[in-house]
Structure formats: C-alpha cells, structure tokens
Amino acid sequence: MRYIAVTCESYGGLGKLQGILRIEGSEVVLEFQHKDSMFGLSLSSPKRIALPLARIDRIEFIRGFFGLRPSISIRTDDFDFTSRASAKAPGTLRLRVRFAERRDGAAFVEHVNGLAAEIRHRRWRSEVDSLLGQETAESAPMKSSASPSASPGRSRELE
C-alpha cells in the first residue's frame, strides 16, 4: 500500500485535518487541509509535509476499541512535522483511518516499517564498513613496517 486517507482533530477539536499519507522514495509525505468541523469550510490551503523515513522513531497501527477506531501513530524527533500537522503531543502524530480502510492502514504501516528497517540497516552497514575500513587502515602500516628478514621465522629459513 503506497498511500492511505487519514483524518485528525485540529485546533482543539474545532477543526479537522483531512489528508493523504503516502510514501515517496525515502520519505513519508502528508498532504492535508484543515477544515472547520461544524460546517466543513476550508480553514487552510492544501499543504504538504515530508518526513524522511530515517527520522521516524516508531510508526504503528492501532486498532482502537474493539477495532472500531483504527489509527496510525507516528513518533518522530522532527518537531516541525508534528507541529505543522497540529499534533496534540509534540513528537507524536495520531491519524485516524476509516474503518473500511483498516486493513490498508495496517498494510501501509507494515510497508513503512519495512522501508525504515532497510534504511537503518544500510546506514548501520555503512557505519560498520567505515569503522572496519579505518581499523584496517590504522593496523596496515604496523604490519608493513616490519621487514621480512627481521622476523625470527624468516631468518631461520634463510640459514
């Protein structure tokens, strides 16, 4: 699943965020618009916020009470992302998913978790490779500085 329709309360319950959460490359993008919750009037123009997958601490699908109120919870260290989307708690954004799309919401979260794990694995692998590369570079001059004739095993072979 590449996208999912979401909603969220905004402006202390006086407004409603309606949007689409999608994956674009290595980012999760939220395209949304704030509307008045009483009359449905648009309170803002459509906006777009991108969150790199590497900045997501945790994303989970929450079934809600008896599975009737499904939602997606995104926890991140990107304050700008959560504040622009009118999150109730800094660093955490909880987006509601329609009941009819609950399976798609769970599949979306599973897909994002897989992509985020792949990105973390690549980052950790490059860090390990760079550390191993530095370690072999530091130990290589010590091995090459000793001459073959100076080693005790080598001198016995020559005699």
N, C-alpha and C. Protein backbone atom coordinates (compact mmCIF):
# COMPACT_ATOMS: atom_id res chain seq x y z
N MET A 1 0.85 -1.17 0.00
CA MET A 1 0.00 0.00 0.00
C MET A 1 0.89 1.24 0.00
N ARG A 2 0.71 2.09 -0.96
CA ARG A 2 1.55 3.28 -1.11
C ARG A 2 0.94 4.54 -0.48
N TYR A 3 -0.37 4.55 -0.21
CA TYR A 3 -1.00 5.72 0.40
C TYR A 3 -2.23 5.29 1.19
N ILE A 4 -2.65 6.18 2.09
CA ILE A 4 -3.84 5.92 2.90
C ILE A 4 -4.48 7.27 3.25
N ALA A 5 -5.81 7.35 3.20
CA ALA A 5 -6.53 8.56 3.59
C ALA A 5 -6.62 8.62 5.11
N VAL A 6 -6.36 9.80 5.68
CA VAL A 6 -6.34 9.96 7.14
C VAL A 6 -7.08 11.23 7.55
N THR A 7 -7.48 11.27 8.83
CA THR A 7 -8.08 12.45 9.43
C THR A 7 -7.50 12.63 10.82
N CYS A 8 -7.67 13.83 11.36
CA CYS A 8 -7.14 14.12 12.70
C CYS A 8 -7.84 15.38 13.21
N GLU A 9 -8.09 15.44 14.50
CA GLU A 9 -8.63 16.67 15.09
C GLU A 9 -7.56 17.74 15.07
N SER A 10 -7.97 18.98 14.88
CA SER A 10 -7.03 20.10 14.94
C SER A 10 -7.72 21.29 15.60
N TYR A 11 -6.94 22.25 15.98
CA TYR A 11 -7.44 23.47 16.63
C TYR A 11 -8.29 23.13 17.84
N GLY A 12 -7.83 22.17 18.64
CA GLY A 12 -8.52 21.82 19.88
C GLY A 12 -9.91 21.25 19.66
N GLY A 13 -10.13 20.56 18.56
CA GLY A 13 -11.43 19.97 18.27
C GLY A 13 -12.33 20.84 17.42
N LEU A 14 -11.95 22.09 17.18
CA LEU A 14 -12.77 22.98 16.36
C LEU A 14 -12.53 22.77 14.87
N GLY A 15 -11.43 22.12 14.53
CA GLY A 15 -11.11 21.86 13.14
C GLY A 15 -10.79 20.40 12.92
N LYS A 16 -10.67 20.05 11.65
CA LYS A 16 -10.37 18.68 11.30
C LYS A 16 -9.34 18.68 10.17
N LEU A 17 -8.30 17.88 10.36
CA LEU A 17 -7.30 17.71 9.33
C LEU A 17 -7.74 16.54 8.46
N GLN A 18 -7.81 16.74 7.16
CA GLN A 18 -8.13 15.66 6.22
C GLN A 18 -6.99 15.60 5.22
N GLY A 19 -6.48 14.39 4.99
CA GLY A 19 -5.37 14.30 4.07
C GLY A 19 -5.05 12.90 3.62
N ILE A 20 -3.93 12.80 2.95
CA ILE A 20 -3.43 11.53 2.43
C ILE A 20 -1.99 11.37 2.91
N LEU A 21 -1.73 10.21 3.47
CA LEU A 21 -0.38 9.84 3.90
C LEU A 21 0.16 8.89 2.87
N ARG A 22 1.31 9.23 2.28
CA ARG A 22 1.86 8.40 1.22
C ARG A 22 3.36 8.25 1.35
N ILE A 23 3.90 7.28 0.61
CA ILE A 23 5.34 7.04 0.57
C ILE A 23 5.85 7.55 -0.77
N GLU A 24 6.87 8.40 -0.72
CA GLU A 24 7.53 8.89 -1.93
C GLU A 24 9.03 8.71 -1.75
N GLY A 25 9.58 7.72 -2.40
CA GLY A 25 11.01 7.46 -2.28
C GLY A 25 11.36 7.03 -0.87
N SER A 26 12.20 7.82 -0.22
CA SER A 26 12.61 7.51 1.16
C SER A 26 11.96 8.47 2.15
N GLU A 27 10.76 8.96 1.82
CA GLU A 27 10.04 9.88 2.69
C GLU A 27 8.58 9.45 2.85
N VAL A 28 8.01 9.80 3.98
CA VAL A 28 6.57 9.69 4.19
C VAL A 28 6.04 11.11 4.05
N VAL A 29 5.08 11.28 3.16
CA VAL A 29 4.55 12.61 2.85
C VAL A 29 3.10 12.69 3.31
N LEU A 30 2.77 13.76 4.02
CA LEU A 30 1.40 14.02 4.43
C LEU A 30 0.92 15.25 3.65
N GLU A 31 -0.08 15.05 2.82
CA GLU A 31 -0.73 16.15 2.11
C GLU A 31 -2.08 16.33 2.79
N PHE A 32 -2.36 17.55 3.26
CA PHE A 32 -3.56 17.74 4.08
C PHE A 32 -4.14 19.13 3.92
N GLN A 33 -5.34 19.28 4.48
CA GLN A 33 -6.03 20.55 4.51
C GLN A 33 -6.84 20.59 5.80
N HIS A 34 -6.85 21.74 6.46
CA HIS A 34 -7.65 21.91 7.68
C HIS A 34 -9.03 22.38 7.27
N LYS A 35 -10.06 21.79 7.91
CA LYS A 35 -11.44 22.20 7.66
C LYS A 35 -12.13 22.46 8.99
N ASP A 36 -13.14 23.31 8.95
CA ASP A 36 -13.96 23.57 10.10
C ASP A 36 -14.78 22.31 10.40
N SER A 37 -14.83 21.89 11.67
CA SER A 37 -15.52 20.64 11.98
C SER A 37 -17.05 20.80 12.00
N MET A 38 -17.55 22.01 12.15
CA MET A 38 -19.00 22.21 12.16
C MET A 38 -19.58 22.32 10.75
N PHE A 39 -18.99 23.17 9.93
CA PHE A 39 -19.57 23.46 8.63
C PHE A 39 -18.78 22.84 7.47
N GLY A 40 -17.57 22.35 7.73
CA GLY A 40 -16.76 21.75 6.68
C GLY A 40 -16.07 22.76 5.79
N LEU A 41 -16.02 24.02 6.23
CA LEU A 41 -15.37 25.06 5.43
C LEU A 41 -13.85 24.90 5.54
N SER A 42 -13.17 25.19 4.44
CA SER A 42 -11.71 25.10 4.44
C SER A 42 -11.10 26.21 5.27
N LEU A 43 -10.24 25.83 6.20
CA LEU A 43 -9.55 26.81 7.04
C LEU A 43 -8.14 27.09 6.52
N SER A 44 -7.65 26.26 5.63
CA SER A 44 -6.31 26.47 5.08
C SER A 44 -6.24 25.93 3.67
N SER A 45 -5.23 26.37 2.97
CA SER A 45 -4.99 25.83 1.64
C SER A 45 -4.29 24.47 1.80
N PRO A 46 -4.32 23.63 0.78
CA PRO A 46 -3.64 22.33 0.88
C PRO A 46 -2.16 22.51 1.18
N LYS A 47 -1.64 21.68 2.07
CA LYS A 47 -0.24 21.74 2.48
C LYS A 47 0.40 20.38 2.31
N ARG A 48 1.72 20.39 2.26
CA ARG A 48 2.48 19.15 2.07
C ARG A 48 3.67 19.16 3.03
N ILE A 49 3.80 18.09 3.82
CA ILE A 49 4.92 17.95 4.75
C ILE A 49 5.59 16.61 4.45
N ALA A 50 6.90 16.62 4.33
CA ALA A 50 7.67 15.40 4.08
C ALA A 50 8.49 15.05 5.31
N LEU A 51 8.48 13.77 5.65
CA LEU A 51 9.26 13.25 6.79
C LEU A 51 10.14 12.12 6.29
N PRO A 52 11.47 12.29 6.34
CA PRO A 52 12.35 11.20 5.91
C PRO A 52 12.14 9.96 6.78
N LEU A 53 12.18 8.80 6.17
CA LEU A 53 11.99 7.54 6.90
C LEU A 53 13.02 7.38 8.01
N ALA A 54 14.21 7.93 7.81
CA ALA A 54 15.27 7.81 8.82
C ALA A 54 14.92 8.58 10.09
N ARG A 55 14.01 9.55 10.01
CA ARG A 55 13.64 10.36 11.18
C ARG A 55 12.48 9.76 11.97
N ILE A 56 11.89 8.68 11.48
CA ILE A 56 10.77 8.04 12.18
C ILE A 56 11.32 7.12 13.26
N ASP A 57 10.96 7.41 14.51
CA ASP A 57 11.35 6.54 15.62
C ASP A 57 10.46 5.30 15.66
N ARG A 58 9.15 5.53 15.50
CA ARG A 58 8.21 4.42 15.56
C ARG A 58 6.95 4.80 14.79
N ILE A 59 6.44 3.87 14.02
CA ILE A 59 5.14 4.03 13.39
C ILE A 59 4.37 2.75 13.67
N GLU A 60 3.15 2.90 14.14
CA GLU A 60 2.38 1.71 14.48
C GLU A 60 0.92 1.89 14.12
N PHE A 61 0.27 0.77 13.85
CA PHE A 61 -1.15 0.75 13.57
C PHE A 61 -1.87 0.39 14.86
N ILE A 62 -2.81 1.21 15.26
CA ILE A 62 -3.56 1.00 16.49
C ILE A 62 -5.01 0.67 16.11
N ARG A 63 -5.47 -0.49 16.56
CA ARG A 63 -6.82 -0.94 16.20
C ARG A 63 -7.90 -0.13 16.90
N GLY A 64 -7.63 0.35 18.08
CA GLY A 64 -8.64 1.08 18.84
C GLY A 64 -9.57 0.14 19.59
N PHE A 65 -10.61 0.69 20.16
CA PHE A 65 -11.56 -0.07 20.97
C PHE A 65 -12.33 -1.06 20.11
N PHE A 66 -12.13 -2.34 20.35
CA PHE A 66 -12.74 -3.43 19.58
C PHE A 66 -12.47 -3.31 18.08
N GLY A 67 -11.40 -2.63 17.72
CA GLY A 67 -11.03 -2.47 16.31
C GLY A 67 -11.90 -1.47 15.57
N LEU A 68 -12.69 -0.69 16.30
CA LEU A 68 -13.64 0.22 15.66
C LEU A 68 -13.07 1.61 15.38
N ARG A 69 -11.96 1.96 15.99
CA ARG A 69 -11.36 3.29 15.78
C ARG A 69 -9.90 3.14 15.38
N PRO A 70 -9.64 2.63 14.19
CA PRO A 70 -8.25 2.42 13.77
C PRO A 70 -7.53 3.74 13.53
N SER A 71 -6.24 3.73 13.86
CA SER A 71 -5.43 4.92 13.64
C SER A 71 -3.97 4.53 13.42
N ILE A 72 -3.22 5.49 12.91
CA ILE A 72 -1.79 5.33 12.69
C ILE A 72 -1.08 6.33 13.59
N SER A 73 -0.15 5.86 14.38
CA SER A 73 0.61 6.72 15.28
C SER A 73 2.04 6.80 14.78
N ILE A 74 2.52 8.03 14.58
CA ILE A 74 3.88 8.27 14.10
C ILE A 74 4.63 9.02 15.19
N ARG A 75 5.74 8.45 15.63
CA ARG A 75 6.59 9.12 16.62
C ARG A 75 7.90 9.48 15.93
N THR A 76 8.28 10.75 16.05
CA THR A 76 9.46 11.25 15.36
C THR A 76 10.15 12.32 16.19
N ASP A 77 11.40 12.59 15.85
CA ASP A 77 12.13 13.67 16.52
C ASP A 77 12.03 14.97 15.72
N ASP A 78 11.24 14.98 14.65
CA ASP A 78 11.07 16.15 13.80
C ASP A 78 9.88 16.97 14.31
N PHE A 79 10.17 17.99 15.10
CA PHE A 79 9.12 18.80 15.71
C PHE A 79 8.32 19.54 14.65
N ASP A 80 8.98 19.99 13.60
CA ASP A 80 8.30 20.74 12.53
C ASP A 80 7.19 19.92 11.90
N PHE A 81 7.44 18.63 11.67
CA PHE A 81 6.44 17.76 11.05
C PHE A 81 5.20 17.66 11.93
N THR A 82 5.39 17.40 13.21
CA THR A 82 4.23 17.22 14.08
C THR A 82 3.52 18.53 14.39
N SER A 83 4.25 19.62 14.51
CA SER A 83 3.59 20.90 14.82
C SER A 83 2.80 21.43 13.63
N ARG A 84 3.31 21.26 12.43
CA ARG A 84 2.58 21.73 11.24
C ARG A 84 1.33 20.90 10.98
N ALA A 85 1.33 19.67 11.45
CA ALA A 85 0.15 18.82 11.27
C ALA A 85 -0.79 18.91 12.46
N SER A 86 -0.56 19.84 13.38
CA SER A 86 -1.40 20.08 14.56
C SER A 86 -1.50 18.86 15.46
N ALA A 87 -0.37 18.28 15.79
CA ALA A 87 -0.36 17.15 16.70
C ALA A 87 -0.67 17.61 18.11
N LYS A 88 -1.35 16.76 18.87
CA LYS A 88 -1.67 17.10 20.26
C LYS A 88 -0.43 17.06 21.13
N ALA A 89 0.41 16.05 20.94
CA ALA A 89 1.64 15.92 21.73
C ALA A 89 2.84 16.16 20.82
N PRO A 90 3.83 16.93 21.27
CA PRO A 90 5.00 17.16 20.44
C PRO A 90 5.74 15.85 20.17
N GLY A 91 6.05 15.62 18.92
CA GLY A 91 6.80 14.43 18.55
C GLY A 91 5.94 13.24 18.19
N THR A 92 4.64 13.30 18.46
CA THR A 92 3.75 12.19 18.14
C THR A 92 2.54 12.70 17.38
N LEU A 93 2.23 12.04 16.28
CA LEU A 93 1.08 12.39 15.46
C LEU A 93 0.20 11.16 15.34
N ARG A 94 -1.07 11.31 15.70
CA ARG A 94 -2.01 10.19 15.61
C ARG A 94 -3.07 10.53 14.58
N LEU A 95 -3.10 9.74 13.52
CA LEU A 95 -4.00 9.98 12.39
C LEU A 95 -5.05 8.87 12.34
N ARG A 96 -6.30 9.25 12.25
CA ARG A 96 -7.39 8.27 12.17
C ARG A 96 -7.51 7.73 10.76
N VAL A 97 -7.89 6.47 10.68
CA VAL A 97 -8.12 5.78 9.41
C VAL A 97 -9.57 5.33 9.39
N ARG A 98 -10.23 5.43 8.25
CA ARG A 98 -11.61 4.96 8.15
C ARG A 98 -11.68 3.47 8.47
N PHE A 99 -12.77 3.04 9.10
CA PHE A 99 -12.94 1.64 9.47
C PHE A 99 -12.85 0.74 8.25
N ALA A 100 -13.41 1.18 7.14
CA ALA A 100 -13.40 0.37 5.92
C ALA A 100 -11.99 0.19 5.35
N GLU A 101 -11.06 1.07 5.72
CA GLU A 101 -9.70 1.01 5.20
C GLU A 101 -8.69 0.53 6.25
N ARG A 102 -9.17 -0.14 7.29
CA ARG A 102 -8.29 -0.56 8.38
C ARG A 102 -7.23 -1.54 7.92
N ARG A 103 -7.57 -2.45 7.01
CA ARG A 103 -6.57 -3.41 6.50
C ARG A 103 -5.52 -2.69 5.66
N ASP A 104 -5.95 -1.71 4.88
CA ASP A 104 -5.00 -0.92 4.11
C ASP A 104 -4.08 -0.11 5.03
N GLY A 105 -4.62 0.39 6.13
CA GLY A 105 -3.81 1.14 7.09
C GLY A 105 -2.74 0.25 7.72
N ALA A 106 -3.14 -0.97 8.10
CA ALA A 106 -2.17 -1.90 8.69
C ALA A 106 -1.10 -2.27 7.66
N ALA A 107 -1.50 -2.47 6.40
CA ALA A 107 -0.53 -2.80 5.34
C ALA A 107 0.41 -1.63 5.09
N PHE A 108 -0.11 -0.40 5.14
CA PHE A 108 0.72 0.79 4.94
C PHE A 108 1.79 0.87 6.03
N VAL A 109 1.39 0.69 7.28
CA VAL A 109 2.34 0.75 8.39
C VAL A 109 3.39 -0.35 8.26
N GLU A 110 2.98 -1.53 7.88
CA GLU A 110 3.93 -2.64 7.70
C GLU A 110 4.94 -2.31 6.60
N HIS A 111 4.45 -1.70 5.51
CA HIS A 111 5.33 -1.31 4.40
C HIS A 111 6.33 -0.24 4.84
N VAL A 112 5.86 0.77 5.57
CA VAL A 112 6.74 1.83 6.05
C VAL A 112 7.78 1.27 7.01
N ASN A 113 7.36 0.38 7.91
CA ASN A 113 8.30 -0.24 8.84
C ASN A 113 9.38 -1.02 8.11
N GLY A 114 9.00 -1.73 7.05
CA GLY A 114 9.99 -2.47 6.25
C GLY A 114 10.98 -1.54 5.57
N LEU A 115 10.49 -0.45 4.99
CA LEU A 115 11.38 0.51 4.33
C LEU A 115 12.30 1.19 5.34
N ALA A 116 11.76 1.55 6.50
CA ALA A 116 12.57 2.20 7.53
C ALA A 116 13.65 1.25 8.05
N ALA A 117 13.31 -0.02 8.20
CA ALA A 117 14.31 -1.00 8.65
C ALA A 117 15.41 -1.17 7.62
N GLU A 118 15.04 -1.15 6.35
CA GLU A 118 16.04 -1.26 5.28
C GLU A 118 16.98 -0.07 5.28
N ILE A 119 16.45 1.12 5.49
CA ILE A 119 17.27 2.33 5.53
C ILE A 119 18.20 2.29 6.76
N ARG A 120 17.67 1.89 7.92
CA ARG A 120 18.52 1.78 9.11
C ARG A 120 19.62 0.76 8.90
N HIS A 121 19.29 -0.37 8.26
CA HIS A 121 20.29 -1.41 8.01
C HIS A 121 21.41 -0.88 7.11
N ARG A 122 21.03 -0.16 6.04
CA ARG A 122 22.04 0.41 5.14
C ARG A 122 22.93 1.41 5.87
N ARG A 123 22.31 2.26 6.73
CA ARG A 123 23.09 3.26 7.46
C ARG A 123 24.05 2.59 8.44
N TRP A 124 23.57 1.59 9.19
CA TRP A 124 24.43 0.89 10.13
C TRP A 124 25.52 0.12 9.41
N ARG A 125 25.19 -0.47 8.27
CA ARG A 125 26.18 -1.22 7.49
C ARG A 125 27.29 -0.30 7.01
N SER A 126 26.92 0.89 6.54
CA SER A 126 27.95 1.83 6.07
C SER A 126 28.81 2.32 7.25
N GLU A 127 28.18 2.50 8.43
CA GLU A 127 28.96 2.91 9.60
C GLU A 127 29.94 1.81 10.01
N VAL A 128 29.49 0.55 9.99
CA VAL A 128 30.37 -0.57 10.34
C VAL A 128 31.49 -0.70 9.32
N ASP A 129 31.16 -0.57 8.03
CA ASP A 129 32.18 -0.65 6.99
C ASP A 129 33.21 0.46 7.14
N SER A 130 32.74 1.66 7.48
CA SER A 130 33.69 2.77 7.64
C SER A 130 34.57 2.55 8.87
N LEU A 131 33.99 2.01 9.95
CA LEU A 131 34.80 1.71 11.13
C LEU A 131 35.81 0.61 10.85
N LEU A 132 35.41 -0.42 10.14
CA LEU A 132 36.33 -1.50 9.80
C LEU A 132 37.40 -1.01 8.82
N GLY A 133 37.03 -0.12 7.92
CA GLY A 133 37.99 0.46 6.99
C GLY A 133 39.03 1.29 7.71
N GLN A 134 38.63 2.04 8.71
CA GLN A 134 39.58 2.85 9.50
C GLN A 134 40.47 1.95 10.33
N GLU A 135 39.91 0.88 10.88
CA GLU A 135 40.68 -0.02 11.72
C GLU A 135 41.76 -0.73 10.91
N THR A 136 41.43 -1.20 9.70
CA THR A 136 42.43 -1.87 8.88
C THR A 136 43.46 -0.89 8.36
N ALA A 137 43.05 0.36 8.14
CA ALA A 137 44.00 1.37 7.68
C ALA A 137 45.00 1.70 8.79
N GLU A 138 44.55 1.70 10.04
CA GLU A 138 45.45 2.00 11.14
C GLU A 138 46.41 0.85 11.41
N SER A 139 45.95 -0.37 11.26
CA SER A 139 46.80 -1.52 11.55
C SER A 139 47.68 -1.90 10.37
N ALA A 140 47.35 -1.48 9.17
CA ALA A 140 48.13 -1.85 7.99
C ALA A 140 49.55 -1.29 8.03
N PRO A 141 49.82 -0.05 8.41
CA PRO A 141 51.20 0.43 8.44
C PRO A 141 52.07 -0.33 9.44
N MET A 142 51.50 -0.79 10.54
CA MET A 142 52.29 -1.53 11.52
C MET A 142 52.75 -2.86 10.93
N LYS A 143 51.93 -3.52 10.17
CA LYS A 143 52.31 -4.80 9.58
C LYS A 143 53.33 -4.61 8.47
N SER A 144 53.17 -3.57 7.69
CA SER A 144 54.06 -3.37 6.55
C SER A 144 55.41 -2.77 6.96
N SER A 145 55.50 -2.18 8.15
CA SER A 145 56.76 -1.55 8.56
C SER A 145 57.83 -2.58 8.92
N ALA A 146 57.42 -3.75 9.34
CA ALA A 146 58.41 -4.78 9.69
C ALA A 146 58.95 -5.42 8.42
N SER A 147 60.27 -5.53 8.31
CA SER A 147 60.86 -6.15 7.12
C SER A 147 60.80 -7.67 7.26
N PRO A 148 60.67 -8.39 6.17
CA PRO A 148 60.54 -9.84 6.23
C PRO A 148 61.79 -10.51 6.80
N SER A 149 62.94 -9.92 6.61
CA SER A 149 64.17 -10.54 7.12
C SER A 149 64.32 -10.36 8.62
N ALA A 150 63.58 -9.37 9.20
CA ALA A 150 63.70 -9.13 10.63
C ALA A 150 62.87 -10.10 11.45
N SER A 151 61.91 -10.78 10.84
CA SER A 151 61.09 -11.71 11.62
C SER A 151 61.90 -12.97 11.94
N PRO A 152 61.75 -13.53 13.15
CA PRO A 152 62.56 -14.66 13.57
C PRO A 152 62.33 -15.91 12.72
N GLY A 153 61.12 -16.17 12.29
CA GLY A 153 60.86 -17.35 11.48
C GLY A 153 61.53 -17.25 10.11
N ARG A 154 61.58 -16.11 9.59
CA ARG A 154 62.15 -15.87 8.26
C ARG A 154 63.66 -16.03 8.30
N SER A 155 64.29 -15.57 9.36
CA SER A 155 65.76 -15.67 9.43
C SER A 155 66.20 -17.13 9.55
N ARG A 156 65.44 -17.96 10.21
CA ARG A 156 65.80 -19.37 10.33
C ARG A 156 65.69 -20.07 8.98
N GLU A 157 64.71 -19.68 8.18
CA GLU A 157 64.56 -20.31 6.88
C GLU A 157 65.75 -19.99 5.97
N LEU A 158 66.27 -18.80 6.10
CA LEU A 158 67.39 -18.38 5.24
C LEU A 158 68.69 -19.06 5.63
N GLU A 159 68.87 -19.45 6.83
CA GLU A 159 70.13 -20.06 7.29
C GLU A 159 70.28 -21.44 6.85
